[in-house]
Structure formats: C-alpha cells, structure tokens
C-alpha cells in the first residue's frame, strides 16, 4: 500500500516476540502502534525501544497517567527518552495535571482520555459524573486542550461534538470502533465502524483484536486483515 491507513494498532500482548511479529506484519498498513500498560509493565523502556527499532511508525504510549501534578510531571519526564508521539493522561486529573505533563514533554502530543469507551451511560451515572457521557466528554476535552493537551481520546459517538468544541488543530483518536464484519465486543459500549468514525472527524481509530486475532493463522493472514480494514477506511464514497 502506498498510503498507510489512519489505524492505531493496539499491541496488547505480554509476549515480546509476538509484538515484533505484529509490527512487522502490519508496518506497511498501520500508522501508529499503541503500547499500553500490560506491555509497558512487562517490558518497560527496553521493550518500547525494541519496538521503535523495528518500525518507523509513531508510538502511542497508553499509560493513562492520573496523579498529582509533580508525580505526573516526573512520570512524563521518565519516558521522555522513548520519544513517544502520543502519551495518554486522564482528562479527569484536572488542568494542572495535564499542564504538568505537557510542560514535561513539549515534543509529545499529550493525549487526554475523556470517558472510557468501556463505560455505558449507567456506568457514567453510577460513577458520579454530573452530565451524561457526551456532555462529560466534551467538557473534559475542552478542559484538557485548554491546559495543553494536543490530542483527545473519546468514543466515536462524541467525535462531532468534541471536534466542534476543540477545533481542527486537535488530534482526535477513537477506540470503540468495530469493522462492519466484526462481532460486537463486550468491553466496548459506545461503538461505530472505523469508516464512520473517520467520517465524523476522527484523525485515527484504535483497532486491536479485529486485526491481531488473525495472528493465530500467521503473519500474512494478519497483514491481509489489516489491509481489508484499511481499504474499508480509505474507500471513497
């Protein structure tokens, strides 16, 4: 493929060899690789560096930092040598915390997570949010970008409202997408297809198991599946 798709592949595995295999199988299709808590706590900085040495794609370090300002600032500085393109923090940590992360990593897109896509409306209510998921996500996105976040993670259902609130310069990344031929997953409550999310204004969609599950059939099968989804996203209507 000449043009990579706006896919963030979730490298959710505790096996480093498997992680390398996923990267190599999809490197001509995927734009960004997301390394989350499971990966980071298992392999640490050495594991991240090992992945970056095997791809020229951007790295999304999904640590969802959420603590007092000094702690988050220190944590952000601790991963600065990894040069992640994106580093996640919880928007609910507040403006001061987000600003601390942004100041510590000026070359990284501090990426604020609004309302987790695993939460239903009843979950949002039971946690104690004042507003529903949509209004809460918009409010958190506005707070975060005003505090220095340059990217937002939100449900596909909140893209339009958040884009209107934060403007065109902010990168919107959305999990909770499911290709049209993929069964619904129990851990994502507020979903749409990748193409629908891009049409709504997302810059990137996070996809994991709909692609990585094909690894069991080999690297070529996984690559072909990634290409199928990329074609769904890139197709012109």
Protein backbone atom coordinates (compact mmCIF):
# COMPACT_ATOMS: atom_id res chain seq x y z
CA UNK A 1 0.00 0.00 0.00
CA UNK A 2 1.27 3.44 -0.89
CA UNK A 3 -0.69 5.18 1.85
CA UNK A 4 -0.95 3.84 5.35
CA UNK A 5 -4.37 3.90 6.95
CA UNK A 6 -5.17 6.09 9.99
CA UNK A 7 -5.05 3.00 12.21
CA UNK A 8 -3.56 2.82 15.69
CA UNK A 9 -2.86 -0.87 16.27
CA UNK A 10 -3.25 -1.91 19.91
CA UNK A 11 -0.24 -4.10 20.70
CA UNK A 12 -1.88 -5.76 23.68
CA UNK A 13 0.38 -8.71 24.36
CA UNK A 14 2.81 -9.80 27.06
CA UNK A 15 4.99 -11.66 24.56
CA UNK A 16 7.72 -9.53 23.01
CA UNK A 17 8.27 -11.86 20.05
CA UNK A 18 4.57 -11.63 19.26
CA UNK A 19 4.70 -7.85 19.48
CA UNK A 20 7.55 -7.78 16.96
CA UNK A 21 5.60 -10.10 14.70
CA UNK A 22 2.53 -7.87 14.78
CA UNK A 23 4.61 -4.81 13.94
CA UNK A 24 6.40 -6.47 11.04
CA UNK A 25 3.18 -7.96 9.67
CA UNK A 26 1.39 -4.60 9.54
CA UNK A 27 4.11 -1.98 9.14
CA UNK A 28 3.04 -1.05 5.61
CA UNK A 29 -0.59 -0.60 6.69
CA UNK A 30 -0.60 0.82 10.24
CA UNK A 31 0.40 4.40 11.06
CA UNK A 32 0.73 4.21 14.86
CA UNK A 33 1.39 1.41 17.37
CA UNK A 34 -0.23 1.64 20.79
CA UNK A 35 1.77 0.21 23.67
CA UNK A 36 -0.33 0.03 26.80
CA UNK A 37 0.03 -0.81 30.47
CA UNK A 38 0.33 -4.56 30.00
CA UNK A 39 3.18 -4.11 27.54
CA UNK A 40 4.95 -1.36 29.49
CA UNK A 41 4.73 -3.09 32.86
CA UNK A 42 6.04 -6.31 31.34
CA UNK A 43 8.89 -4.95 29.22
CA UNK A 44 9.47 -1.37 30.38
CA UNK A 45 11.50 1.13 28.42
CA UNK A 46 13.64 -1.58 26.86
CA UNK A 47 10.58 -3.15 25.31
CA UNK A 48 9.40 0.16 23.88
CA UNK A 49 12.84 0.83 22.43
CA UNK A 50 12.90 -2.64 20.92
CA UNK A 51 9.64 -1.92 19.10
CA UNK A 52 10.72 1.51 17.88
CA UNK A 53 13.87 -0.01 16.43
CA UNK A 54 11.68 -2.29 14.32
CA UNK A 55 9.38 0.32 12.81
CA UNK A 56 9.35 3.90 11.61
CA UNK A 57 5.73 4.26 12.73
CA UNK A 58 4.75 6.58 15.57
CA UNK A 59 4.38 5.21 19.10
CA UNK A 60 1.28 5.80 21.22
CA UNK A 61 2.30 5.18 24.84
CA UNK A 62 -1.01 4.48 26.53
CA UNK A 63 -0.24 4.80 30.24
CA UNK A 64 -3.27 6.92 31.20
CA UNK A 65 -1.38 8.87 33.85
CA UNK A 66 -3.59 10.17 36.65
CA UNK A 67 -1.96 11.51 39.81
CA UNK A 68 -0.83 14.72 41.47
CA UNK A 69 0.96 17.23 39.26
CA UNK A 70 4.51 16.52 40.50
CA UNK A 71 4.10 12.78 40.06
CA UNK A 72 2.70 13.07 36.55
CA UNK A 73 5.40 15.54 35.58
CA UNK A 74 8.06 13.15 36.84
CA UNK A 75 6.47 10.19 35.08
CA UNK A 76 6.32 12.12 31.83
CA UNK A 77 9.98 13.06 32.10
CA UNK A 78 10.83 9.43 32.88
CA UNK A 79 9.53 8.31 29.47
CA UNK A 80 10.90 11.29 27.52
CA UNK A 81 13.85 9.27 26.21
CA UNK A 82 11.37 6.94 24.48
CA UNK A 83 10.17 9.86 22.36
CA UNK A 84 6.53 8.75 22.12
CA UNK A 85 4.44 10.68 19.63
CA UNK A 86 1.46 10.33 21.98
CA UNK A 87 1.25 9.87 25.76
CA UNK A 88 -2.10 9.44 27.46
CA UNK A 89 -3.29 11.08 30.66
CA UNK A 90 -6.76 11.06 32.19
CA UNK A 91 -8.51 14.35 31.49
CA UNK A 92 -10.30 13.96 34.82
CA UNK A 93 -6.95 14.57 36.52
CA UNK A 94 -7.55 18.28 36.00
CA UNK A 95 -5.97 21.20 34.20
CA UNK A 96 -2.92 21.44 36.45
CA UNK A 97 -2.02 17.79 35.98
CA UNK A 98 -2.44 17.99 32.20
CA UNK A 99 -0.34 21.15 32.03
CA UNK A 100 2.39 19.45 34.08
CA UNK A 101 2.55 16.59 31.56
CA UNK A 102 2.54 18.96 28.59
CA UNK A 103 5.31 21.08 30.07
CA UNK A 104 7.42 17.99 30.81
CA UNK A 105 7.06 16.63 27.26
CA UNK A 106 6.79 19.57 24.86
CA UNK A 107 7.62 17.43 21.81
CA UNK A 108 4.97 14.82 22.60
CA UNK A 109 1.25 15.05 21.96
CA UNK A 110 -0.11 14.78 25.47
CA UNK A 111 -3.34 12.91 24.81
CA UNK A 112 -6.23 13.32 27.21
CA UNK A 113 -8.61 10.41 27.71
CA UNK A 114 -12.13 11.70 28.30
CA UNK A 115 -14.70 8.98 29.16
CA UNK A 116 -13.60 5.38 28.71
CA UNK A 117 -15.42 3.63 25.87
CA UNK A 118 -15.99 0.66 28.17
CA UNK A 119 -18.44 2.75 30.22
CA UNK A 120 -22.14 2.72 29.49
CA UNK A 121 -24.44 5.62 30.35
CA UNK A 122 -25.47 3.84 33.55
CA UNK A 123 -21.80 3.42 34.46
CA UNK A 124 -21.17 7.12 33.91
CA UNK A 125 -24.11 7.93 36.18
CA UNK A 126 -23.06 5.48 38.91
CA UNK A 127 -19.52 6.87 38.97
CA UNK A 128 -20.97 10.25 39.77
CA UNK A 129 -20.45 12.29 36.62
CA UNK A 130 -22.71 15.33 36.66
CA UNK A 131 -23.57 15.03 32.97
CA UNK A 132 -24.17 12.20 30.52
CA UNK A 133 -21.26 10.61 28.62
CA UNK A 134 -21.43 13.00 25.68
CA UNK A 135 -21.54 16.21 27.70
CA UNK A 136 -18.93 14.92 30.14
CA UNK A 137 -16.56 14.01 27.31
CA UNK A 138 -16.95 17.41 25.65
CA UNK A 139 -16.34 19.22 28.93
CA UNK A 140 -13.24 17.13 29.67
CA UNK A 141 -11.90 17.60 26.14
CA UNK A 142 -12.25 21.37 26.37
CA UNK A 143 -10.58 21.45 29.77
CA UNK A 144 -7.72 19.28 28.55
CA UNK A 145 -6.95 21.17 25.36
CA UNK A 146 -7.08 24.48 27.18
CA UNK A 147 -4.46 23.03 29.54
CA UNK A 148 -2.09 22.00 26.77
CA UNK A 149 -3.26 18.59 25.54
CA UNK A 150 -2.82 18.31 21.79
CA UNK A 151 -4.84 15.14 21.30
CA UNK A 152 -8.04 13.67 22.70
CA UNK A 153 -9.26 10.10 23.12
CA UNK A 154 -13.02 9.73 23.01
CA UNK A 155 -15.81 7.41 21.96
CA UNK A 156 -16.86 7.63 18.30
CA UNK A 157 -20.22 8.93 19.46
CA UNK A 158 -18.57 12.05 20.88
CA UNK A 159 -16.34 12.96 17.91
CA UNK A 160 -18.62 15.50 16.26
CA UNK A 161 -19.35 17.44 19.45
CA UNK A 162 -15.72 17.38 20.59
CA UNK A 163 -14.44 18.48 17.20
CA UNK A 164 -16.81 21.44 17.33
CA UNK A 165 -15.64 22.27 20.84
CA UNK A 166 -11.86 21.96 20.37
CA UNK A 167 -11.34 22.94 16.74
CA UNK A 168 -9.48 21.39 13.84
CA UNK A 169 -5.93 21.59 15.23
CA UNK A 170 -6.51 18.97 17.94
CA UNK A 171 -5.95 15.30 17.04
CA UNK A 172 -8.90 13.06 17.86
CA UNK A 173 -8.16 9.37 18.42
CA UNK A 174 -11.01 6.97 18.95
CA UNK A 175 -11.15 3.41 20.24
CA UNK A 176 -14.50 1.68 20.34
CA UNK A 177 -14.61 1.04 16.61
CA UNK A 178 -15.59 -2.27 15.07
CA UNK A 179 -15.22 -3.17 11.38
CA UNK A 180 -18.51 -3.93 9.67
CA UNK A 181 -17.81 -7.68 9.60
CA UNK A 182 -16.66 -7.95 13.22
CA UNK A 183 -18.78 -9.09 16.13
CA UNK A 184 -19.52 -6.59 18.90
CA UNK A 185 -17.20 -6.84 21.91
CA UNK A 186 -18.45 -6.75 25.48
CA UNK A 187 -15.71 -4.35 26.62
CA UNK A 188 -16.72 -1.54 24.25
CA UNK A 189 -20.15 0.00 24.82
CA UNK A 190 -20.22 3.06 22.56
CA UNK A 191 -19.08 2.00 19.11
CA UNK A 192 -19.31 2.54 15.34
CA UNK A 193 -17.34 1.37 12.30
CA UNK A 194 -13.86 2.77 11.60
CA UNK A 195 -15.02 4.48 8.42
CA UNK A 196 -17.94 6.11 10.24
CA UNK A 197 -15.56 7.40 12.91
CA UNK A 198 -13.24 8.94 10.32
CA UNK A 199 -16.22 10.47 8.52
CA UNK A 200 -17.30 12.04 11.82
CA UNK A 201 -13.92 13.75 12.14
CA UNK A 202 -11.58 11.35 13.93
CA UNK A 203 -7.95 11.50 12.85
CA UNK A 204 -7.13 7.95 13.97
CA UNK A 205 -9.03 4.84 15.02
CA UNK A 206 -7.66 2.35 17.53
CA UNK A 207 -8.08 -1.27 16.47
CA UNK A 208 -6.79 -4.33 18.27
CA UNK A 209 -8.35 -7.77 18.27
CA UNK A 210 -10.19 -7.46 14.93
CA UNK A 211 -6.69 -7.45 13.41
CA UNK A 212 -4.45 -9.20 15.94
CA UNK A 213 -6.71 -12.24 16.35
CA UNK A 214 -5.65 -13.29 12.86
CA UNK A 215 -2.06 -13.76 14.06
CA UNK A 216 -3.02 -17.31 15.00
CA UNK A 217 -3.26 -18.02 11.26
CA UNK A 218 0.11 -16.43 10.51
CA UNK A 219 1.65 -13.07 9.67
CA UNK A 220 0.23 -13.00 6.16
CA UNK A 221 -3.31 -13.58 7.41
CA UNK A 222 -2.92 -10.73 9.90
CA UNK A 223 -1.49 -8.42 7.24
CA UNK A 224 -4.35 -9.23 4.86
CA UNK A 225 -6.90 -8.50 7.57
CA UNK A 226 -5.25 -5.17 8.33
CA UNK A 227 -5.33 -4.33 4.63
CA UNK A 228 -9.03 -5.24 4.40
CA UNK A 229 -9.86 -2.85 7.24
CA UNK A 230 -7.59 -0.18 5.78
CA UNK A 231 -9.46 -0.44 2.49
CA UNK A 232 -12.77 -0.06 4.34
CA UNK A 233 -11.46 3.15 5.89
CA UNK A 234 -9.79 4.56 2.79
CA UNK A 235 -12.57 3.73 0.33
CA UNK A 236 -14.16 6.73 -1.35
CA UNK A 237 -17.93 7.01 -1.04
